[in-house]
Amino acid sequence: MKKLILTFGIILASIVTMQAQEKISPTDKVLNEYTSVAQLTPDQVTKVRPMFDAFYATRKDNKEKYANNEDGLKAANKANRQNLKAQLKTMLTADQIQKIEDYQKAKKERSRNNGAANQE
């Protein structure tokens, strides 16, 4: 009986712990990365946040709108990314933009290398 109660307690604690964890929004995740990589100021974060919110909202809308059209989805998302980049260039310094681009390239390269290593 003690084992049953202990097991039930552990399961219950696990469930409560999993539900207590907050999901971080994509905007917050990217802003945290960009803030650490490009040293965004609090003022810049405040100005850039709505841009990322709109970016992810448009991306979600595109996914629904182009559910059966992969090429249309790719084109719409590409236009959305280009729009975000253009907006960011008006808010961030050239040095910050360069740091973010370098970070993204390195992240993509790490992802490729991990994918290649996993296939071997």
PDB file of N, CA and C in Angstrom:
ATOM      1  N   MET A   1       0.825  -1.195   0.000  1.00  0.00           N
ATOM      2  CA  MET A   1       0.000   0.000   0.000  1.00  0.00           C
ATOM      3  C   MET A   1       0.869   1.259   0.000  1.00  0.00           C
ATOM      4  N   LYS A   2       1.985   1.216   0.742  1.00  0.00           N
ATOM      5  CA  LYS A   2       2.878   2.366   0.789  1.00  0.00           C
ATOM      6  C   LYS A   2       3.488   2.620  -0.594  1.00  0.00           C
ATOM      7  N   LYS A   3       3.831   1.545  -1.303  1.00  0.00           N
ATOM      8  CA  LYS A   3       4.407   1.698  -2.640  1.00  0.00           C
ATOM      9  C   LYS A   3       3.397   2.320  -3.600  1.00  0.00           C
ATOM     10  N   LEU A   4       2.157   1.906  -3.474  1.00  0.00           N
ATOM     11  CA  LEU A   4       1.106   2.446  -4.323  1.00  0.00           C
ATOM     12  C   LEU A   4       0.916   3.942  -4.076  1.00  0.00           C
ATOM     13  N   ILE A   5       0.874   4.333  -2.828  1.00  0.00           N
ATOM     14  CA  ILE A   5       0.716   5.745  -2.483  1.00  0.00           C
ATOM     15  C   ILE A   5       1.923   6.549  -2.945  1.00  0.00           C
ATOM     16  N   LEU A   6       3.117   6.014  -2.756  1.00  0.00           N
ATOM     17  CA  LEU A   6       4.335   6.682  -3.179  1.00  0.00           C
ATOM     18  C   LEU A   6       4.361   6.843  -4.705  1.00  0.00           C
ATOM     19  N   THR A   7       4.009   5.795  -5.409  1.00  0.00           N
ATOM     20  CA  THR A   7       3.972   5.848  -6.872  1.00  0.00           C
ATOM     21  C   THR A   7       2.960   6.878  -7.351  1.00  0.00           C
ATOM     22  N   PHE A   8       1.789   6.859  -6.749  1.00  0.00           N
ATOM     23  CA  PHE A   8       0.753   7.831  -7.104  1.00  0.00           C
ATOM     24  C   PHE A   8       1.237   9.257  -6.832  1.00  0.00           C
ATOM     25  N   GLY A   9       1.902   9.463  -5.722  1.00  0.00           N
ATOM     26  CA  GLY A   9       2.436  10.784  -5.374  1.00  0.00           C
ATOM     27  C   GLY A   9       3.462  11.270  -6.380  1.00  0.00           C
ATOM     28  N   ILE A  10       4.324  10.375  -6.828  1.00  0.00           N
ATOM     29  CA  ILE A  10       5.355  10.737  -7.809  1.00  0.00           C
ATOM     30  C   ILE A  10       4.705  11.096  -9.145  1.00  0.00           C
ATOM     31  N   ILE A  11       3.730  10.315  -9.552  1.00  0.00           N
ATOM     32  CA  ILE A  11       3.032  10.596 -10.808  1.00  0.00           C
ATOM     33  C   ILE A  11       2.306  11.932 -10.723  1.00  0.00           C
ATOM     34  N   LEU A  12       1.631  12.163  -9.629  1.00  0.00           N
ATOM     35  CA  LEU A  12       0.904  13.417  -9.441  1.00  0.00           C
ATOM     36  C   LEU A  12       1.863  14.609  -9.446  1.00  0.00           C
ATOM     37  N   ALA A  13       2.985  14.477  -8.776  1.00  0.00           N
ATOM     38  CA  ALA A  13       3.983  15.555  -8.742  1.00  0.00           C
ATOM     39  C   ALA A  13       4.531  15.825 -10.141  1.00  0.00           C
ATOM     40  N   SER A  14       4.739  14.783 -10.917  1.00  0.00           N
ATOM     41  CA  SER A  14       5.241  14.946 -12.284  1.00  0.00           C
ATOM     42  C   SER A  14       4.240  15.695 -13.145  1.00  0.00           C
ATOM     43  N   ILE A  15       2.979  15.335 -13.016  1.00  0.00           N
ATOM     44  CA  ILE A  15       1.941  15.998 -13.801  1.00  0.00           C
ATOM     45  C   ILE A  15       1.847  17.475 -13.439  1.00  0.00           C
ATOM     46  N   VAL A  16       1.856  17.759 -12.154  1.00  0.00           N
ATOM     47  CA  VAL A  16       1.764  19.149 -11.705  1.00  0.00           C
ATOM     48  C   VAL A  16       2.969  19.942 -12.192  1.00  0.00           C
ATOM     49  N   THR A  17       4.143  19.360 -12.147  1.00  0.00           N
ATOM     50  CA  THR A  17       5.365  20.035 -12.585  1.00  0.00           C
ATOM     51  C   THR A  17       5.308  20.341 -14.077  1.00  0.00           C
ATOM     52  N   MET A  18       4.848  19.381 -14.871  1.00  0.00           N
ATOM     53  CA  MET A  18       4.779  19.597 -16.315  1.00  0.00           C
ATOM     54  C   MET A  18       3.781  20.689 -16.651  1.00  0.00           C
ATOM     55  N   GLN A  19       2.666  20.744 -15.960  1.00  0.00           N
ATOM     56  CA  GLN A  19       1.667  21.762 -16.238  1.00  0.00           C
ATOM     57  C   GLN A  19       2.115  23.135 -15.748  1.00  0.00           C
ATOM     58  N   ALA A  20       2.978  23.174 -14.764  1.00  0.00           N
ATOM     59  CA  ALA A  20       3.422  24.446 -14.207  1.00  0.00           C
ATOM     60  C   ALA A  20       4.443  25.141 -15.111  1.00  0.00           C
ATOM     61  N   GLN A  21       5.094  24.373 -15.984  1.00  0.00           N
ATOM     62  CA  GLN A  21       6.087  24.969 -16.856  1.00  0.00           C
ATOM     63  C   GLN A  21       5.404  25.846 -17.892  1.00  0.00           C
ATOM     64  N   GLU A  22       5.889  27.063 -18.014  1.00  0.00           N
ATOM     65  CA  GLU A  22       5.322  27.987 -18.976  1.00  0.00           C
ATOM     66  C   GLU A  22       5.939  27.736 -20.347  1.00  0.00           C
ATOM     67  N   LYS A  23       5.098  27.858 -21.368  1.00  0.00           N
ATOM     68  CA  LYS A  23       5.611  27.787 -22.722  1.00  0.00           C
ATOM     69  C   LYS A  23       6.087  29.179 -23.102  1.00  0.00           C
ATOM     70  N   ILE A  24       7.294  29.259 -23.599  1.00  0.00           N
ATOM     71  CA  ILE A  24       7.826  30.541 -24.017  1.00  0.00           C
ATOM     72  C   ILE A  24       7.369  30.789 -25.455  1.00  0.00           C
ATOM     73  N   SER A  25       6.913  31.985 -25.721  1.00  0.00           N
ATOM     74  CA  SER A  25       6.416  32.310 -27.056  1.00  0.00           C
ATOM     75  C   SER A  25       7.591  32.397 -28.029  1.00  0.00           C
ATOM     76  N   PRO A  26       7.328  32.173 -29.324  1.00  0.00           N
ATOM     77  CA  PRO A  26       8.405  32.301 -30.307  1.00  0.00           C
ATOM     78  C   PRO A  26       9.035  33.695 -30.285  1.00  0.00           C
ATOM     79  N   THR A  27       8.206  34.719 -30.084  1.00  0.00           N
ATOM     80  CA  THR A  27       8.725  36.087 -30.021  1.00  0.00           C
ATOM     81  C   THR A  27       9.707  36.237 -28.870  1.00  0.00           C
ATOM     82  N   ASP A  28       9.333  35.749 -27.692  1.00  0.00           N
ATOM     83  CA  ASP A  28      10.219  35.857 -26.532  1.00  0.00           C
ATOM     84  C   ASP A  28      11.509  35.080 -26.743  1.00  0.00           C
ATOM     85  N   LYS A  29      11.403  33.910 -27.356  1.00  0.00           N
ATOM     86  CA  LYS A  29      12.593  33.094 -27.602  1.00  0.00           C
ATOM     87  C   LYS A  29      13.578  33.835 -28.516  1.00  0.00           C
ATOM     88  N   VAL A  30      13.061  34.375 -29.613  1.00  0.00           N
ATOM     89  CA  VAL A  30      13.928  35.090 -30.559  1.00  0.00           C
ATOM     90  C   VAL A  30      14.489  36.356 -29.934  1.00  0.00           C
ATOM     91  N   LEU A  31      13.655  37.083 -29.214  1.00  0.00           N
ATOM     92  CA  LEU A  31      14.142  38.311 -28.586  1.00  0.00           C
ATOM     93  C   LEU A  31      15.212  38.015 -27.537  1.00  0.00           C
ATOM     94  N   ASN A  32      15.069  36.926 -26.802  1.00  0.00           N
ATOM     95  CA  ASN A  32      16.108  36.543 -25.844  1.00  0.00           C
ATOM     96  C   ASN A  32      17.413  36.242 -26.565  1.00  0.00           C
ATOM     97  N   GLU A  33      17.331  35.495 -27.676  1.00  0.00           N
ATOM     98  CA  GLU A  33      18.534  35.186 -28.449  1.00  0.00           C
ATOM     99  C   GLU A  33      19.163  36.457 -29.010  1.00  0.00           C
ATOM    100  N   TYR A  34      18.349  37.300 -29.642  1.00  0.00           N
ATOM    101  CA  TYR A  34      18.865  38.523 -30.259  1.00  0.00           C
ATOM    102  C   TYR A  34      19.429  39.485 -29.228  1.00  0.00           C
ATOM    103  N   THR A  35      18.803  39.540 -28.051  1.00  0.00           N
ATOM    104  CA  THR A  35      19.294  40.423 -27.004  1.00  0.00           C
ATOM    105  C   THR A  35      20.676  39.978 -26.548  1.00  0.00           C
ATOM    106  N   SER A  36      20.870  38.683 -26.416  1.00  0.00           N
ATOM    107  CA  SER A  36      22.185  38.202 -25.973  1.00  0.00           C
ATOM    108  C   SER A  36      23.218  38.289 -27.094  1.00  0.00           C
ATOM    109  N   VAL A  37      22.824  38.042 -28.329  1.00  0.00           N
ATOM    110  CA  VAL A  37      23.763  38.042 -29.450  1.00  0.00           C
ATOM    111  C   VAL A  37      24.134  39.467 -29.873  1.00  0.00           C
ATOM    112  N   ALA A  38      23.118  40.324 -30.016  1.00  0.00           N
ATOM    113  CA  ALA A  38      23.354  41.662 -30.569  1.00  0.00           C
ATOM    114  C   ALA A  38      23.236  42.773 -29.536  1.00  0.00           C
ATOM    115  N   GLN A  39      23.107  42.414 -28.262  1.00  0.00           N
ATOM    116  CA  GLN A  39      22.998  43.391 -27.182  1.00  0.00           C
ATOM    117  C   GLN A  39      21.918  44.444 -27.470  1.00  0.00           C
ATOM    118  N   LEU A  40      20.690  43.962 -27.724  1.00  0.00           N
ATOM    119  CA  LEU A  40      19.589  44.898 -27.930  1.00  0.00           C
ATOM    120  C   LEU A  40      19.314  45.654 -26.644  1.00  0.00           C
ATOM    121  N   THR A  41      19.006  46.917 -26.776  1.00  0.00           N
ATOM    122  CA  THR A  41      18.656  47.724 -25.608  1.00  0.00           C
ATOM    123  C   THR A  41      17.194  47.454 -25.250  1.00  0.00           C
ATOM    124  N   PRO A  42      16.798  47.741 -24.020  1.00  0.00           N
ATOM    125  CA  PRO A  42      15.386  47.566 -23.651  1.00  0.00           C
ATOM    126  C   PRO A  42      14.440  48.359 -24.559  1.00  0.00           C
ATOM    127  N   ASP A  43      14.868  49.545 -24.988  1.00  0.00           N
ATOM    128  CA  ASP A  43      14.053  50.354 -25.893  1.00  0.00           C
ATOM    129  C   ASP A  43      13.888  49.650 -27.244  1.00  0.00           C
ATOM    130  N   GLN A  44      14.972  49.062 -27.744  1.00  0.00           N
ATOM    131  CA  GLN A  44      14.903  48.337 -29.013  1.00  0.00           C
ATOM    132  C   GLN A  44      13.993  47.111 -28.888  1.00  0.00           C
ATOM    133  N   VAL A  45      14.095  46.409 -27.782  1.00  0.00           N
ATOM    134  CA  VAL A  45      13.251  45.225 -27.566  1.00  0.00           C
ATOM    135  C   VAL A  45      11.783  45.638 -27.597  1.00  0.00           C
ATOM    136  N   THR A  46      11.461  46.739 -26.954  1.00  0.00           N
ATOM    137  CA  THR A  46      10.079  47.240 -26.925  1.00  0.00           C
ATOM    138  C   THR A  46       9.586  47.576 -28.332  1.00  0.00           C
ATOM    139  N   LYS A  47      10.449  48.145 -29.147  1.00  0.00           N
ATOM    140  CA  LYS A  47      10.059  48.525 -30.504  1.00  0.00           C
ATOM    141  C   LYS A  47      10.010  47.333 -31.462  1.00  0.00           C
ATOM    142  N   VAL A  48      10.857  46.343 -31.232  1.00  0.00           N
ATOM    143  CA  VAL A  48      10.954  45.197 -32.139  1.00  0.00           C
ATOM    144  C   VAL A  48       9.904  44.128 -31.825  1.00  0.00           C
ATOM    145  N   ARG A  49       9.481  44.031 -30.573  1.00  0.00           N
ATOM    146  CA  ARG A  49       8.512  42.998 -30.169  1.00  0.00           C
ATOM    147  C   ARG A  49       7.261  42.961 -31.057  1.00  0.00           C
ATOM    148  N   PRO A  50       6.615  44.114 -31.334  1.00  0.00           N
ATOM    149  CA  PRO A  50       5.419  44.058 -32.187  1.00  0.00           C
ATOM    150  C   PRO A  50       5.718  43.542 -33.602  1.00  0.00           C
ATOM    151  N   MET A  51       6.931  43.805 -34.080  1.00  0.00           N
ATOM    152  CA  MET A  51       7.317  43.303 -35.403  1.00  0.00           C
ATOM    153  C   MET A  51       7.332  41.778 -35.417  1.00  0.00           C
ATOM    154  N   PHE A  52       7.911  41.197 -34.368  1.00  0.00           N
ATOM    155  CA  PHE A  52       7.964  39.736 -34.291  1.00  0.00           C
ATOM    156  C   PHE A  52       6.589  39.139 -34.031  1.00  0.00           C
ATOM    157  N   ASP A  53       5.786  39.806 -33.228  1.00  0.00           N
ATOM    158  CA  ASP A  53       4.416  39.332 -33.005  1.00  0.00           C
ATOM    159  C   ASP A  53       3.653  39.283 -34.328  1.00  0.00           C
ATOM    160  N   ALA A  54       3.776  40.339 -35.128  1.00  0.00           N
ATOM    161  CA  ALA A  54       3.110  40.383 -36.433  1.00  0.00           C
ATOM    162  C   ALA A  54       3.688  39.324 -37.371  1.00  0.00           C
ATOM    163  N   PHE A  55       5.006  39.132 -37.320  1.00  0.00           N
ATOM    164  CA  PHE A  55       5.665  38.128 -38.154  1.00  0.00           C
ATOM    165  C   PHE A  55       5.104  36.738 -37.873  1.00  0.00           C
ATOM    166  N   TYR A  56       5.026  36.374 -36.587  1.00  0.00           N
ATOM    167  CA  TYR A  56       4.535  35.037 -36.242  1.00  0.00           C
ATOM    168  C   TYR A  56       3.036  34.892 -36.480  1.00  0.00           C
ATOM    169  N   ALA A  57       2.280  35.975 -36.329  1.00  0.00           N
ATOM    170  CA  ALA A  57       0.845  35.922 -36.630  1.00  0.00           C
ATOM    171  C   ALA A  57       0.631  35.699 -38.130  1.00  0.00           C
ATOM    172  N   THR A  58       1.398  36.409 -38.955  1.00  0.00           N
ATOM    173  CA  THR A  58       1.304  36.242 -40.409  1.00  0.00           C
ATOM    174  C   THR A  58       1.722  34.846 -40.817  1.00  0.00           C
ATOM    175  N   ARG A  59       2.747  34.346 -40.175  1.00  0.00           N
ATOM    176  CA  ARG A  59       3.222  32.991 -40.472  1.00  0.00           C
ATOM    177  C   ARG A  59       2.137  31.951 -40.168  1.00  0.00           C
ATOM    178  N   LYS A  60       1.459  32.144 -39.052  1.00  0.00           N
ATOM    179  CA  LYS A  60       0.366  31.236 -38.674  1.00  0.00           C
ATOM    180  C   LYS A  60      -0.781  31.338 -39.689  1.00  0.00           C
ATOM    181  N   ASP A  61      -1.112  32.575 -40.082  1.00  0.00           N
ATOM    182  CA  ASP A  61      -2.160  32.777 -41.078  1.00  0.00           C
ATOM    183  C   ASP A  61      -1.781  32.136 -42.413  1.00  0.00           C
ATOM    184  N   ASN A  62      -0.514  32.272 -42.799  1.00  0.00           N
ATOM    185  CA  ASN A  62      -0.051  31.670 -44.046  1.00  0.00           C
ATOM    186  C   ASN A  62      -0.189  30.154 -44.000  1.00  0.00           C
ATOM    187  N   LYS A  63       0.106  29.573 -42.852  1.00  0.00           N
ATOM    188  CA  LYS A  63       0.023  28.118 -42.726  1.00  0.00           C
ATOM    189  C   LYS A  63      -1.413  27.637 -42.968  1.00  0.00           C
ATOM    190  N   GLU A  64      -2.383  28.391 -42.471  1.00  0.00           N
ATOM    191  CA  GLU A  64      -3.789  28.040 -42.686  1.00  0.00           C
ATOM    192  C   GLU A  64      -4.217  28.348 -44.125  1.00  0.00           C
ATOM    193  N   LYS A  65      -3.804  29.508 -44.618  1.00  0.00           N
ATOM    194  CA  LYS A  65      -4.217  29.955 -45.956  1.00  0.00           C
ATOM    195  C   LYS A  65      -3.654  29.055 -47.054  1.00  0.00           C
ATOM    196  N   TYR A  66      -2.409  28.626 -46.898  1.00  0.00           N
ATOM    197  CA  TYR A  66      -1.743  27.827 -47.917  1.00  0.00           C
ATOM    198  C   TYR A  66      -1.557  26.376 -47.477  1.00  0.00           C
ATOM    199  N   ALA A  67      -2.532  25.844 -46.766  1.00  0.00           N
ATOM    200  CA  ALA A  67      -2.432  24.491 -46.230  1.00  0.00           C
ATOM    201  C   ALA A  67      -2.204  23.449 -47.329  1.00  0.00           C
ATOM    202  N   ASN A  68      -2.776  23.669 -48.493  1.00  0.00           N
ATOM    203  CA  ASN A  68      -2.661  22.693 -49.586  1.00  0.00           C
ATOM    204  C   ASN A  68      -1.780  23.191 -50.721  1.00  0.00           C
ATOM    205  N   ASN A  69      -0.995  24.226 -50.465  1.00  0.00           N
ATOM    206  CA  ASN A  69      -0.159  24.817 -51.504  1.00  0.00           C
ATOM    207  C   ASN A  69       1.226  25.105 -50.931  1.00  0.00           C
ATOM    208  N   GLU A  70       2.100  24.125 -51.024  1.00  0.00           N
ATOM    209  CA  GLU A  70       3.435  24.248 -50.423  1.00  0.00           C
ATOM    210  C   GLU A  70       4.248  25.385 -51.044  1.00  0.00           C
ATOM    211  N   ASP A  71       4.163  25.534 -52.363  1.00  0.00           N
ATOM    212  CA  ASP A  71       4.908  26.610 -53.025  1.00  0.00           C
ATOM    213  C   ASP A  71       4.384  27.981 -52.614  1.00  0.00           C
ATOM    214  N   GLY A  72       3.067  28.099 -52.500  1.00  0.00           N
ATOM    215  CA  GLY A  72       2.474  29.354 -52.051  1.00  0.00           C
ATOM    216  C   GLY A  72       2.886  29.692 -50.635  1.00  0.00           C
ATOM    217  N   LEU A  73       2.951  28.673 -49.768  1.00  0.00           N
ATOM    218  CA  LEU A  73       3.375  28.865 -48.381  1.00  0.00           C
ATOM    219  C   LEU A  73       4.818  29.341 -48.319  1.00  0.00           C
ATOM    220  N   LYS A  74       5.683  28.703 -49.102  1.00  0.00           N
ATOM    221  CA  LYS A  74       7.090  29.103 -49.120  1.00  0.00           C
ATOM    222  C   LYS A  74       7.245  30.543 -49.588  1.00  0.00           C
ATOM    223  N   ALA A  75       6.525  30.910 -50.630  1.00  0.00           N
ATOM    224  CA  ALA A  75       6.617  32.266 -51.165  1.00  0.00           C
ATOM    225  C   ALA A  75       6.081  33.291 -50.163  1.00  0.00           C
ATOM    226  N   ALA A  76       4.962  32.988 -49.541  1.00  0.00           N
ATOM    227  CA  ALA A  76       4.372  33.911 -48.563  1.00  0.00           C
ATOM    228  C   ALA A  76       5.286  34.070 -47.353  1.00  0.00           C
ATOM    229  N   ASN A  77       5.856  32.967 -46.879  1.00  0.00           N
ATOM    230  CA  ASN A  77       6.758  33.045 -45.727  1.00  0.00           C
ATOM    231  C   ASN A  77       8.054  33.777 -46.077  1.00  0.00           C
ATOM    232  N   LYS A  78       8.520  33.604 -47.303  1.00  0.00           N
ATOM    233  CA  LYS A  78       9.727  34.320 -47.733  1.00  0.00           C
ATOM    234  C   LYS A  78       9.464  35.825 -47.750  1.00  0.00           C
ATOM    235  N   ALA A  79       8.317  36.224 -48.278  1.00  0.00           N
ATOM    236  CA  ALA A  79       7.960  37.642 -48.301  1.00  0.00           C
ATOM    237  C   ALA A  79       7.822  38.185 -46.880  1.00  0.00           C
ATOM    238  N   ASN A  80       7.268  37.376 -45.990  1.00  0.00           N
ATOM    239  CA  ASN A  80       7.117  37.770 -44.591  1.00  0.00           C
ATOM    240  C   ASN A  80       8.485  37.966 -43.933  1.00  0.00           C
ATOM    241  N   ARG A  81       9.427  37.055 -44.199  1.00  0.00           N
ATOM    242  CA  ARG A  81      10.790  37.186 -43.648  1.00  0.00           C
ATOM    243  C   ARG A  81      11.481  38.438 -44.178  1.00  0.00           C
ATOM    244  N   GLN A  82      11.328  38.684 -45.473  1.00  0.00           N
ATOM    245  CA  GLN A  82      11.961  39.868 -46.066  1.00  0.00           C
ATOM    246  C   GLN A  82      11.383  41.153 -45.466  1.00  0.00           C
ATOM    247  N   ASN A  83      10.086  41.155 -45.231  1.00  0.00           N
ATOM    248  CA  ASN A  83       9.441  42.306 -44.615  1.00  0.00           C
ATOM    249  C   ASN A  83       9.986  42.532 -43.201  1.00  0.00           C
ATOM    250  N   LEU A  84      10.131  41.448 -42.427  1.00  0.00           N
ATOM    251  CA  LEU A  84      10.676  41.559 -41.073  1.00  0.00           C
ATOM    252  C   LEU A  84      12.104  42.091 -41.105  1.00  0.00           C
ATOM    253  N   LYS A  85      12.922  41.570 -42.018  1.00  0.00           N
ATOM    254  CA  LYS A  85      14.310  42.035 -42.121  1.00  0.00           C
ATOM    255  C   LYS A  85      14.361  43.527 -42.439  1.00  0.00           C
ATOM    256  N   ALA A  86      13.504  43.969 -43.349  1.00  0.00           N
ATOM    257  CA  ALA A  86      13.473  45.389 -43.710  1.00  0.00           C
ATOM    258  C   ALA A  86      13.075  46.243 -42.508  1.00  0.00           C
ATOM    259  N   GLN A  87      12.108  45.773 -41.734  1.00  0.00           N
ATOM    260  CA  GLN A  87      11.688  46.516 -40.544  1.00  0.00           C
ATOM    261  C   GLN A  87      12.795  46.552 -39.495  1.00  0.00           C
ATOM    262  N   LEU A  88      13.478  45.419 -39.311  1.00  0.00           N
ATOM    263  CA  LEU A  88      14.550  45.364 -38.317  1.00  0.00           C
ATOM    264  C   LEU A  88      15.687  46.320 -38.681  1.00  0.00           C
ATOM    265  N   LYS A  89      15.960  46.452 -39.964  1.00  0.00           N
ATOM    266  CA  LYS A  89      17.042  47.341 -40.396  1.00  0.00           C
ATOM    267  C   LYS A  89      16.756  48.800 -40.045  1.00  0.00           C
ATOM    268  N   THR A  90      15.493  49.143 -39.856  1.00  0.00           N
ATOM    269  CA  THR A  90      15.159  50.519 -39.478  1.00  0.00           C
ATOM    270  C   THR A  90      15.320  50.739 -37.976  1.00  0.00           C
ATOM    271  N   MET A  91      15.344  49.664 -37.185  1.00  0.00           N
ATOM    272  CA  MET A  91      15.389  49.776 -35.724  1.00  0.00           C
ATOM    273  C   MET A  91      16.759  49.450 -35.118  1.00  0.00           C
ATOM    274  N   LEU A  92      17.522  48.627 -35.816  1.00  0.00           N
ATOM    275  CA  LEU A  92      18.795  48.159 -35.257  1.00  0.00           C
ATOM    276  C   LEU A  92      19.964  48.788 -35.994  1.00  0.00           C
ATOM    277  N   THR A  93      21.118  48.792 -35.351  1.00  0.00           N
ATOM    278  CA  THR A  93      22.323  49.318 -35.985  1.00  0.00           C
ATOM    279  C   THR A  93      22.865  48.291 -36.976  1.00  0.00           C
ATOM    280  N   ALA A  94      23.715  48.736 -37.875  1.00  0.00           N
ATOM    281  CA  ALA A  94      24.323  47.845 -38.865  1.00  0.00           C
ATOM    282  C   ALA A  94      25.129  46.750 -38.166  1.00  0.00           C
ATOM    283  N   ASP A  95      25.809  47.114 -37.089  1.00  0.00           N
ATOM    284  CA  ASP A  95      26.598  46.133 -36.327  1.00  0.00           C
ATOM    285  C   ASP A  95      25.693  45.062 -35.713  1.00  0.00           C
ATOM    286  N   GLN A  96      24.555  45.481 -35.177  1.00  0.00           N
ATOM    287  CA  GLN A  96      23.619  44.520 -34.589  1.00  0.00           C
ATOM    288  C   GLN A  96      23.049  43.596 -35.659  1.00  0.00           C
ATOM    289  N   ILE A  97      22.706  44.144 -36.803  1.00  0.00           N
ATOM    290  CA  ILE A  97      22.181  43.334 -37.909  1.00  0.00           C
ATOM    291  C   ILE A  97      23.231  42.304 -38.325  1.00  0.00           C
ATOM    292  N   GLN A  98      24.489  42.727 -38.423  1.00  0.00           N
ATOM    293  CA  GLN A  98      25.562  41.815 -38.822  1.00  0.00           C
ATOM    294  C   GLN A  98      25.742  40.703 -37.795  1.00  0.00           C
ATOM    295  N   LYS A  99      25.694  41.033 -36.519  1.00  0.00           N
ATOM    296  CA  LYS A  99      25.826  40.021 -35.471  1.00  0.00           C
ATOM    297  C   LYS A  99      24.692  39.002 -35.549  1.00  0.00           C
ATOM    298  N   ILE A 100      23.482  39.478 -35.816  1.00  0.00           N
ATOM    299  CA  ILE A 100      22.327  38.577 -35.917  1.00  0.00           C
ATOM    300  C   ILE A 100      22.476  37.672 -37.142  1.00  0.00           C
ATOM    301  N   GLU A 101      22.889  38.241 -38.274  1.00  0.00           N
ATOM    302  CA  GLU A 101      23.076  37.436 -39.478  1.00  0.00           C
ATOM    303  C   GLU A 101      24.160  36.386 -39.278  1.00  0.00           C
ATOM    304  N   ASP A 102      25.269  36.769 -38.640  1.00  0.00           N
ATOM    305  CA  ASP A 102      26.345  35.808 -38.354  1.00  0.00           C
ATOM    306  C   ASP A 102      25.841  34.696 -37.432  1.00  0.00           C
ATOM    307  N   TYR A 103      25.071  35.075 -36.428  1.00  0.00           N
ATOM    308  CA  TYR A 103      24.508  34.102 -35.493  1.00  0.00           C
ATOM    309  C   TYR A 103      23.591  33.120 -36.220  1.00  0.00           C
ATOM    310  N   GLN A 104      22.737  33.644 -37.102  1.00  0.00           N
ATOM    311  CA  GLN A 104      21.807  32.781 -37.837  1.00  0.00           C
ATOM    312  C   GLN A 104      22.546  31.821 -38.769  1.00  0.00           C
ATOM    313  N   LYS A 105      23.592  32.308 -39.428  1.00  0.00           N
ATOM    314  CA  LYS A 105      24.384  31.446 -40.306  1.00  0.00           C
ATOM    315  C   LYS A 105      25.056  30.338 -39.509  1.00  0.00           C
ATOM    316  N   ALA A 106      25.621  30.689 -38.364  1.00  0.00           N
ATOM    317  CA  ALA A 106      26.290  29.692 -37.522  1.00  0.00           C
ATOM    318  C   ALA A 106      25.281  28.673 -36.996  1.00  0.00           C
ATOM    319  N   LYS A 107      24.114  29.150 -36.622  1.00  0.00           N
ATOM    320  CA  LYS A 107      23.064  28.256 -36.113  1.00  0.00           C
ATOM    321  C   LYS A 107      22.604  27.289 -37.209  1.00  0.00           C
ATOM    322  N   LYS A 108      22.455  27.802 -38.429  1.00  0.00           N
ATOM    323  CA  LYS A 108      22.051  26.960 -39.558  1.00  0.00           C
ATOM    324  C   LYS A 108      23.132  25.927 -39.864  1.00  0.00           C
ATOM    325  N   GLU A 109      24.379  26.341 -39.797  1.00  0.00           N
ATOM    326  CA  GLU A 109      25.497  25.424 -40.061  1.00  0.00           C
ATOM    327  C   GLU A 109      25.557  24.323 -39.000  1.00  0.00           C
ATOM    328  N   ARG A 110      25.359  24.697 -37.731  1.00  0.00           N
ATOM    329  CA  ARG A 110      25.335  23.689 -36.667  1.00  0.00           C
ATOM    330  C   ARG A 110      24.205  22.693 -36.899  1.00  0.00           C
ATOM    331  N   SER A 111      23.075  23.201 -37.328  1.00  0.00           N
ATOM    332  CA  SER A 111      21.914  22.345 -37.587  1.00  0.00           C
ATOM    333  C   SER A 111      22.215  21.376 -38.723  1.00  0.00           C
ATOM    334  N   ARG A 112      22.849  21.872 -39.773  1.00  0.00           N
ATOM    335  CA  ARG A 112      23.231  21.001 -40.903  1.00  0.00           C
ATOM    336  C   ARG A 112      24.220  19.937 -40.459  1.00  0.00           C
ATOM    337  N   ASN A 113      25.211  20.346 -39.678  1.00  0.00           N
ATOM    338  CA  ASN A 113      26.222  19.406 -39.221  1.00  0.00           C
ATOM    339  C   ASN A 113      25.616  18.339 -38.300  1.00  0.00           C
ATOM    340  N   ASN A 114      24.690  18.742 -37.439  1.00  0.00           N
ATOM    341  CA  ASN A 114      24.030  17.776 -36.567  1.00  0.00           C
ATOM    342  C   ASN A 114      23.175  16.815 -37.380  1.00  0.00           C
ATOM    343  N   GLY A 115      22.516  17.319 -38.409  1.00  0.00           N
ATOM    344  CA  GLY A 115      21.698  16.462 -39.261  1.00  0.00           C
ATOM    345  C   GLY A 115      22.539  15.470 -40.027  1.00  0.00           C
ATOM    346  N   ALA A 116      23.695  15.913 -40.513  1.00  0.00           N
ATOM    347  CA  ALA A 116      24.589  15.028 -41.250  1.00  0.00           C
ATOM    348  C   ALA A 116      25.179  13.969 -40.325  1.00  0.00           C
ATOM    349  N   ALA A 117      25.503  14.365 -39.096  1.00  0.00           N
ATOM    350  CA  ALA A 117      26.063  13.412 -38.133  1.00  0.00           C
ATOM    351  C   ALA A 117      25.034  12.372 -37.743  1.00  0.00           C
ATOM    352  N   ASN A 118      23.771  12.773 -37.638  1.00  0.00           N
ATOM    353  CA  ASN A 118      22.719  11.832 -37.256  1.00  0.00           C
ATOM    354  C   ASN A 118      22.387  10.843 -38.361  1.00  0.00           C
ATOM    355  N   GLN A 119      22.673  11.208 -39.623  1.00  0.00           N
ATOM    356  CA  GLN A 119      22.372  10.312 -40.734  1.00  0.00           C
ATOM    357  C   GLN A 119      23.436   9.237 -40.897  1.00  0.00           C
ATOM    358  N   GLU A 120      24.598   9.460 -40.359  1.00  0.00           N
ATOM    359  CA  GLU A 120      25.692   8.490 -40.522  1.00  0.00           C
ATOM    360  C   GLU A 120      25.543   7.297 -39.644  1.00  0.00           C
TER     361      GLU A 120
END
